[in-house]
Amino acid sequence: MQILVNGESREFKADTTVADLLRELDVKPDRVAVEVNREILDKGAFAQRSLREGDRIEIISFIGGGQPADQYRDVS
């Protein structure tokens, strides 16, 4: 079946779940949010949510950064 993943058309087998998709793409599920057809999924639904022909998937990764709190200075 054809689905769109972050705007790119990809081919997957018919019984693929969101969890399967993330494994196949080597994406760690604890570090992402997944939207299927504009609906944000709860992480607990990744293994149950089967994908269907034409689904539009957006995978958003969380990135940390900034500087440690002890490096902020008081400007008051």
PDB file of N, CA and C in Angstrom:
ATOM      1  N   MET A   1       0.842  -1.177   0.000  1.00  0.00           N
ATOM      2  CA  MET A   1       0.000   0.000   0.000  1.00  0.00           C
ATOM      3  C   MET A   1       0.883   1.235   0.000  1.00  0.00           C
ATOM      4  N   GLN A   2       0.374   2.304  -0.568  1.00  0.00           N
ATOM      5  CA  GLN A   2       1.093   3.578  -0.631  1.00  0.00           C
ATOM      6  C   GLN A   2       0.603   4.498   0.484  1.00  0.00           C
ATOM      7  N   ILE A   3       1.526   5.077   1.236  1.00  0.00           N
ATOM      8  CA  ILE A   3       1.190   6.107   2.204  1.00  0.00           C
ATOM      9  C   ILE A   3       2.210   7.236   2.073  1.00  0.00           C
ATOM     10  N   LEU A   4       1.865   8.401   2.572  1.00  0.00           N
ATOM     11  CA  LEU A   4       2.786   9.527   2.580  1.00  0.00           C
ATOM     12  C   LEU A   4       3.392   9.653   3.976  1.00  0.00           C
ATOM     13  N   VAL A   5       4.710   9.678   4.023  1.00  0.00           N
ATOM     14  CA  VAL A   5       5.418   9.853   5.289  1.00  0.00           C
ATOM     15  C   VAL A   5       6.231  11.137   5.176  1.00  0.00           C
ATOM     16  N   ASN A   6       5.855  12.129   5.967  1.00  0.00           N
ATOM     17  CA  ASN A   6       6.500  13.443   5.922  1.00  0.00           C
ATOM     18  C   ASN A   6       6.607  13.956   4.485  1.00  0.00           C
ATOM     19  N   GLY A   7       5.506  13.782   3.743  1.00  0.00           N
ATOM     20  CA  GLY A   7       5.428  14.303   2.385  1.00  0.00           C
ATOM     21  C   GLY A   7       6.021  13.422   1.304  1.00  0.00           C
ATOM     22  N   GLU A   8       6.597  12.284   1.678  1.00  0.00           N
ATOM     23  CA  GLU A   8       7.227  11.380   0.711  1.00  0.00           C
ATOM     24  C   GLU A   8       6.393  10.113   0.557  1.00  0.00           C
ATOM     25  N   SER A   9       6.051   9.756  -0.681  1.00  0.00           N
ATOM     26  CA  SER A   9       5.290   8.541  -0.944  1.00  0.00           C
ATOM     27  C   SER A   9       6.160   7.321  -0.686  1.00  0.00           C
ATOM     28  N   ARG A  10       5.617   6.382   0.105  1.00  0.00           N
ATOM     29  CA  ARG A  10       6.364   5.157   0.439  1.00  0.00           C
ATOM     30  C   ARG A  10       5.449   3.954   0.354  1.00  0.00           C
ATOM     31  N   GLU A  11       6.043   2.806   0.110  1.00  0.00           N
ATOM     32  CA  GLU A  11       5.307   1.551  -0.021  1.00  0.00           C
ATOM     33  C   GLU A  11       5.503   0.715   1.248  1.00  0.00           C
ATOM     34  N   PHE A  12       4.378   0.211   1.816  1.00  0.00           N
ATOM     35  CA  PHE A  12       4.424  -0.649   2.991  1.00  0.00           C
ATOM     36  C   PHE A  12       3.438  -1.788   2.801  1.00  0.00           C
ATOM     37  N   LYS A  13       3.631  -2.872   3.552  1.00  0.00           N
ATOM     38  CA  LYS A  13       2.687  -3.988   3.464  1.00  0.00           C
ATOM     39  C   LYS A  13       1.368  -3.611   4.124  1.00  0.00           C
ATOM     40  N   ALA A  14       0.314  -4.298   3.741  1.00  0.00           N
ATOM     41  CA  ALA A  14      -1.048  -3.924   4.117  1.00  0.00           C
ATOM     42  C   ALA A  14      -1.325  -3.956   5.617  1.00  0.00           C
ATOM     43  N   ASP A  15      -0.661  -4.791   6.379  1.00  0.00           N
ATOM     44  CA  ASP A  15      -0.980  -4.902   7.804  1.00  0.00           C
ATOM     45  C   ASP A  15      -0.040  -4.084   8.700  1.00  0.00           C
ATOM     46  N   THR A  16       0.593  -3.057   8.161  1.00  0.00           N
ATOM     47  CA  THR A  16       1.558  -2.247   8.904  1.00  0.00           C
ATOM     48  C   THR A  16       0.866  -1.361   9.928  1.00  0.00           C
ATOM     49  N   THR A  17       1.396  -1.355  11.158  1.00  0.00           N
ATOM     50  CA  THR A  17       0.921  -0.446  12.196  1.00  0.00           C
ATOM     51  C   THR A  17       1.882   0.739  12.279  1.00  0.00           C
ATOM     52  N   VAL A  18       1.497   1.746  13.048  1.00  0.00           N
ATOM     53  CA  VAL A  18       2.392   2.883  13.256  1.00  0.00           C
ATOM     54  C   VAL A  18       3.683   2.412  13.928  1.00  0.00           C
ATOM     55  N   ALA A  19       3.581   1.499  14.880  1.00  0.00           N
ATOM     56  CA  ALA A  19       4.778   0.955  15.544  1.00  0.00           C
ATOM     57  C   ALA A  19       5.681   0.253  14.535  1.00  0.00           C
ATOM     58  N   ASP A  20       5.098  -0.535  13.619  1.00  0.00           N
ATOM     59  CA  ASP A  20       5.880  -1.200  12.567  1.00  0.00           C
ATOM     60  C   ASP A  20       6.586  -0.169  11.687  1.00  0.00           C
ATOM     61  N   LEU A  21       5.862   0.877  11.318  1.00  0.00           N
ATOM     62  CA  LEU A  21       6.415   1.930  10.475  1.00  0.00           C
ATOM     63  C   LEU A  21       7.636   2.566  11.148  1.00  0.00           C
ATOM     64  N   LEU A  22       7.508   2.897  12.429  1.00  0.00           N
ATOM     65  CA  LEU A  22       8.616   3.521  13.142  1.00  0.00           C
ATOM     66  C   LEU A  22       9.824   2.592  13.213  1.00  0.00           C
ATOM     67  N   ARG A  23       9.559   1.290  13.478  1.00  0.00           N
ATOM     68  CA  ARG A  23      10.671   0.305  13.498  1.00  0.00           C
ATOM     69  C   ARG A  23      11.361   0.233  12.151  1.00  0.00           C
ATOM     70  N   GLU A  24      10.568   0.158  11.086  1.00  0.00           N
ATOM     71  CA  GLU A  24      11.133   0.059   9.738  1.00  0.00           C
ATOM     72  C   GLU A  24      11.960   1.294   9.377  1.00  0.00           C
ATOM     73  N   LEU A  25      11.538   2.452   9.868  1.00  0.00           N
ATOM     74  CA  LEU A  25      12.272   3.694   9.600  1.00  0.00           C
ATOM     75  C   LEU A  25      13.385   3.945  10.617  1.00  0.00           C
ATOM     76  N   ASP A  26      13.550   3.022  11.570  1.00  0.00           N
ATOM     77  CA  ASP A  26      14.562   3.125  12.628  1.00  0.00           C
ATOM     78  C   ASP A  26      14.380   4.408  13.447  1.00  0.00           C
ATOM     79  N   VAL A  27      13.122   4.661  13.824  1.00  0.00           N
ATOM     80  CA  VAL A  27      12.762   5.831  14.621  1.00  0.00           C
ATOM     81  C   VAL A  27      12.347   5.345  16.011  1.00  0.00           C
ATOM     82  N   LYS A  28      12.918   5.941  17.053  1.00  0.00           N
ATOM     83  CA  LYS A  28      12.578   5.574  18.427  1.00  0.00           C
ATOM     84  C   LYS A  28      11.244   6.217  18.805  1.00  0.00           C
ATOM     85  N   PRO A  29      10.246   5.408  19.163  1.00  0.00           N
ATOM     86  CA  PRO A  29       8.907   5.942  19.419  1.00  0.00           C
ATOM     87  C   PRO A  29       8.826   6.875  20.626  1.00  0.00           C
ATOM     88  N   ASP A  30       9.747   6.769  21.551  1.00  0.00           N
ATOM     89  CA  ASP A  30       9.690   7.633  22.731  1.00  0.00           C
ATOM     90  C   ASP A  30      10.191   9.049  22.449  1.00  0.00           C
ATOM     91  N   ARG A  31      10.766   9.289  21.291  1.00  0.00           N
ATOM     92  CA  ARG A  31      11.326  10.592  20.944  1.00  0.00           C
ATOM     93  C   ARG A  31      10.557  11.319  19.846  1.00  0.00           C
ATOM     94  N   VAL A  32       9.346  10.834  19.522  1.00  0.00           N
ATOM     95  CA  VAL A  32       8.587  11.443  18.424  1.00  0.00           C
ATOM     96  C   VAL A  32       7.111  11.604  18.773  1.00  0.00           C
ATOM     97  N   ALA A  33       6.467  12.464  18.022  1.00  0.00           N
ATOM     98  CA  ALA A  33       5.003  12.541  17.972  1.00  0.00           C
ATOM     99  C   ALA A  33       4.615  12.098  16.563  1.00  0.00           C
ATOM    100  N   VAL A  34       3.499  11.400  16.452  1.00  0.00           N
ATOM    101  CA  VAL A  34       3.052  10.911  15.151  1.00  0.00           C
ATOM    102  C   VAL A  34       1.630  11.407  14.903  1.00  0.00           C
ATOM    103  N   GLU A  35       1.455  11.955  13.718  1.00  0.00           N
ATOM    104  CA  GLU A  35       0.151  12.433  13.274  1.00  0.00           C
ATOM    105  C   GLU A  35      -0.273  11.577  12.088  1.00  0.00           C
ATOM    106  N   VAL A  36      -1.487  11.043  12.147  1.00  0.00           N
ATOM    107  CA  VAL A  36      -2.046  10.267  11.039  1.00  0.00           C
ATOM    108  C   VAL A  36      -3.285  11.009  10.550  1.00  0.00           C
ATOM    109  N   ASN A  37      -3.218  11.450   9.303  1.00  0.00           N
ATOM    110  CA  ASN A  37      -4.341  12.186   8.717  1.00  0.00           C
ATOM    111  C   ASN A  37      -4.784  13.349   9.616  1.00  0.00           C
ATOM    112  N   ARG A  38      -3.789  14.112  10.077  1.00  0.00           N
ATOM    113  CA  ARG A  38      -3.993  15.315  10.898  1.00  0.00           C
ATOM    114  C   ARG A  38      -4.489  15.039  12.308  1.00  0.00           C
ATOM    115  N   GLU A  39      -4.424  13.791  12.767  1.00  0.00           N
ATOM    116  CA  GLU A  39      -4.805  13.435  14.135  1.00  0.00           C
ATOM    117  C   GLU A  39      -3.556  12.963  14.874  1.00  0.00           C
ATOM    118  N   ILE A  40      -3.225  13.631  15.974  1.00  0.00           N
ATOM    119  CA  ILE A  40      -2.058  13.227  16.760  1.00  0.00           C
ATOM    120  C   ILE A  40      -2.421  11.982  17.555  1.00  0.00           C
ATOM    121  N   LEU A  41      -1.572  10.963  17.431  1.00  0.00           N
ATOM    122  CA  LEU A  41      -1.824   9.706  18.131  1.00  0.00           C
ATOM    123  C   LEU A  41      -1.173   9.707  19.500  1.00  0.00           C
ATOM    124  N   ASP A  42      -1.841   9.083  20.451  1.00  0.00           N
ATOM    125  CA  ASP A  42      -1.251   8.794  21.742  1.00  0.00           C
ATOM    126  C   ASP A  42      -0.223   7.676  21.530  1.00  0.00           C
ATOM    127  N   LYS A  43       0.912   7.751  22.214  1.00  0.00           N
ATOM    128  CA  LYS A  43       1.960   6.728  22.041  1.00  0.00           C
ATOM    129  C   LYS A  43       1.426   5.317  22.294  1.00  0.00           C
ATOM    130  N   GLY A  44       0.462   5.196  23.181  1.00  0.00           N
ATOM    131  CA  GLY A  44      -0.120   3.886  23.470  1.00  0.00           C
ATOM    132  C   GLY A  44      -0.879   3.286  22.299  1.00  0.00           C
ATOM    133  N   ALA A  45      -1.225   4.089  21.320  1.00  0.00           N
ATOM    134  CA  ALA A  45      -1.986   3.613  20.152  1.00  0.00           C
ATOM    135  C   ALA A  45      -1.095   3.191  18.993  1.00  0.00           C
ATOM    136  N   PHE A  46       0.214   3.423  19.092  1.00  0.00           N
ATOM    137  CA  PHE A  46       1.114   3.122  17.970  1.00  0.00           C
ATOM    138  C   PHE A  46       1.008   1.661  17.522  1.00  0.00           C
ATOM    139  N   ALA A  47       0.937   0.729  18.466  1.00  0.00           N
ATOM    140  CA  ALA A  47       0.916  -0.698  18.112  1.00  0.00           C
ATOM    141  C   ALA A  47      -0.445  -1.143  17.589  1.00  0.00           C
ATOM    142  N   GLN A  48      -1.513  -0.414  17.944  1.00  0.00           N
ATOM    143  CA  GLN A  48      -2.852  -0.813  17.512  1.00  0.00           C
ATOM    144  C   GLN A  48      -3.304  -0.129  16.233  1.00  0.00           C
ATOM    145  N   ARG A  49      -2.752   1.022  15.926  1.00  0.00           N
ATOM    146  CA  ARG A  49      -3.233   1.807  14.774  1.00  0.00           C
ATOM    147  C   ARG A  49      -2.671   1.266  13.477  1.00  0.00           C
ATOM    148  N   SER A  50      -3.517   0.568  12.728  1.00  0.00           N
ATOM    149  CA  SER A  50      -3.121   0.057  11.413  1.00  0.00           C
ATOM    150  C   SER A  50      -3.191   1.184  10.395  1.00  0.00           C
ATOM    151  N   LEU A  51      -2.266   1.146   9.461  1.00  0.00           N
ATOM    152  CA  LEU A  51      -2.241   2.145   8.400  1.00  0.00           C
ATOM    153  C   LEU A  51      -3.044   1.648   7.203  1.00  0.00           C
ATOM    154  N   ARG A  52      -3.604   2.603   6.471  1.00  0.00           N
ATOM    155  CA  ARG A  52      -4.422   2.268   5.307  1.00  0.00           C
ATOM    156  C   ARG A  52      -3.897   3.002   4.081  1.00  0.00           C
ATOM    157  N   GLU A  53      -4.218   2.471   2.942  1.00  0.00           N
ATOM    158  CA  GLU A  53      -3.844   3.081   1.659  1.00  0.00           C
ATOM    159  C   GLU A  53      -4.173   4.570   1.680  1.00  0.00           C
ATOM    160  N   GLY A  54      -3.199   5.389   1.315  1.00  0.00           N
ATOM    161  CA  GLY A  54      -3.412   6.821   1.200  1.00  0.00           C
ATOM    162  C   GLY A  54      -3.263   7.614   2.483  1.00  0.00           C
ATOM    163  N   ASP A  55      -2.993   6.935   3.621  1.00  0.00           N
ATOM    164  CA  ASP A  55      -2.802   7.669   4.874  1.00  0.00           C
ATOM    165  C   ASP A  55      -1.658   8.660   4.728  1.00  0.00           C
ATOM    166  N   ARG A  56      -1.779   9.778   5.455  1.00  0.00           N
ATOM    167  CA  ARG A  56      -0.743  10.818   5.486  1.00  0.00           C
ATOM    168  C   ARG A  56      -0.161  10.843   6.894  1.00  0.00           C
ATOM    169  N   ILE A  57       1.100  10.496   6.990  1.00  0.00           N
ATOM    170  CA  ILE A  57       1.781  10.391   8.277  1.00  0.00           C
ATOM    171  C   ILE A  57       2.791  11.520   8.401  1.00  0.00           C
ATOM    172  N   GLU A  58       2.789  12.172   9.552  1.00  0.00           N
ATOM    173  CA  GLU A  58       3.822  13.153   9.878  1.00  0.00           C
ATOM    174  C   GLU A  58       4.497  12.674  11.154  1.00  0.00           C
ATOM    175  N   ILE A  59       5.815  12.578  11.111  1.00  0.00           N
ATOM    176  CA  ILE A  59       6.600  12.169  12.274  1.00  0.00           C
ATOM    177  C   ILE A  59       7.418  13.377  12.695  1.00  0.00           C
ATOM    178  N   ILE A  60       7.200  13.805  13.931  1.00  0.00           N
ATOM    179  CA  ILE A  60       7.883  14.988  14.449  1.00  0.00           C
ATOM    180  C   ILE A  60       8.827  14.548  15.556  1.00  0.00           C
ATOM    181  N   SER A  61      10.114  14.857  15.388  1.00  0.00           N
ATOM    182  CA  SER A  61      11.119  14.482  16.387  1.00  0.00           C
ATOM    183  C   SER A  61      11.308  15.597  17.397  1.00  0.00           C
ATOM    184  N   PHE A  62      11.560  15.195  18.634  1.00  0.00           N
ATOM    185  CA  PHE A  62      11.861  16.157  19.691  1.00  0.00           C
ATOM    186  C   PHE A  62      13.369  16.314  19.779  1.00  0.00           C
ATOM    187  N   ILE A  63      13.806  17.561  19.838  1.00  0.00           N
ATOM    188  CA  ILE A  63      15.235  17.852  19.910  1.00  0.00           C
ATOM    189  C   ILE A  63      15.466  18.725  21.130  1.00  0.00           C
ATOM    190  N   GLY A  64      16.402  18.300  21.979  1.00  0.00           N
ATOM    191  CA  GLY A  64      16.744  19.089  23.162  1.00  0.00           C
ATOM    192  C   GLY A  64      17.858  20.057  22.822  1.00  0.00           C
ATOM    193  N   GLY A  65      18.026  21.007  23.672  1.00  0.00           N
ATOM    194  CA  GLY A  65      19.104  21.955  23.431  1.00  0.00           C
ATOM    195  C   GLY A  65      19.076  23.069  24.446  1.00  0.00           C
ATOM    196  N   GLY A  66      19.827  24.077  24.171  1.00  0.00           N
ATOM    197  CA  GLY A  66      19.908  25.197  25.088  1.00  0.00           C
ATOM    198  C   GLY A  66      21.129  25.056  25.978  1.00  0.00           C
ATOM    199  N   GLN A  67      21.141  25.829  27.027  1.00  0.00           N
ATOM    200  CA  GLN A  67      22.276  25.752  27.928  1.00  0.00           C
ATOM    201  C   GLN A  67      21.782  25.356  29.308  1.00  0.00           C
ATOM    202  N   PRO A  68      22.657  24.741  30.107  1.00  0.00           N
ATOM    203  CA  PRO A  68      22.256  24.310  31.446  1.00  0.00           C
ATOM    204  C   PRO A  68      21.755  25.492  32.271  1.00  0.00           C
ATOM    205  N   ALA A  69      20.816  25.226  33.161  1.00  0.00           N
ATOM    206  CA  ALA A  69      20.192  26.282  33.965  1.00  0.00           C
ATOM    207  C   ALA A  69      21.205  27.054  34.795  1.00  0.00           C
ATOM    208  N   ASP A  70      22.286  26.418  35.241  1.00  0.00           N
ATOM    209  CA  ASP A  70      23.263  27.114  36.082  1.00  0.00           C
ATOM    210  C   ASP A  70      24.083  28.124  35.283  1.00  0.00           C
ATOM    211  N   GLN A  71      23.928  28.159  33.978  1.00  0.00           N
ATOM    212  CA  GLN A  71      24.664  29.122  33.164  1.00  0.00           C
ATOM    213  C   GLN A  71      23.856  30.378  32.867  1.00  0.00           C
ATOM    214  N   TYR A  72      22.590  30.409  33.297  1.00  0.00           N
ATOM    215  CA  TYR A  72      21.770  31.624  33.131  1.00  0.00           C
ATOM    216  C   TYR A  72      22.173  32.623  34.216  1.00  0.00           C
ATOM    217  N   ARG A  73      22.164  33.854  33.865  1.00  0.00           N
ATOM    218  CA  ARG A  73      22.534  34.860  34.871  1.00  0.00           C
ATOM    219  C   ARG A  73      21.313  35.692  35.228  1.00  0.00           C
ATOM    220  N   ASP A  74      21.309  36.171  36.421  1.00  0.00           N
ATOM    221  CA  ASP A  74      20.223  37.002  36.899  1.00  0.00           C
ATOM    222  C   ASP A  74      20.405  38.425  36.372  1.00  0.00           C
ATOM    223  N   VAL A  75      19.395  38.948  35.696  1.00  0.00           N
ATOM    224  CA  VAL A  75      19.508  40.287  35.122  1.00  0.00           C
ATOM    225  C   VAL A  75      18.649  41.300  35.880  1.00  0.00           C
ATOM    226  N   SER A  76      18.164  40.937  37.079  1.00  0.00           N
ATOM    227  CA  SER A  76      17.332  41.879  37.839  1.00  0.00           C
ATOM    228  C   SER A  76      18.136  42.897  38.598  1.00  0.00           C
TER     229      SER A  76
END
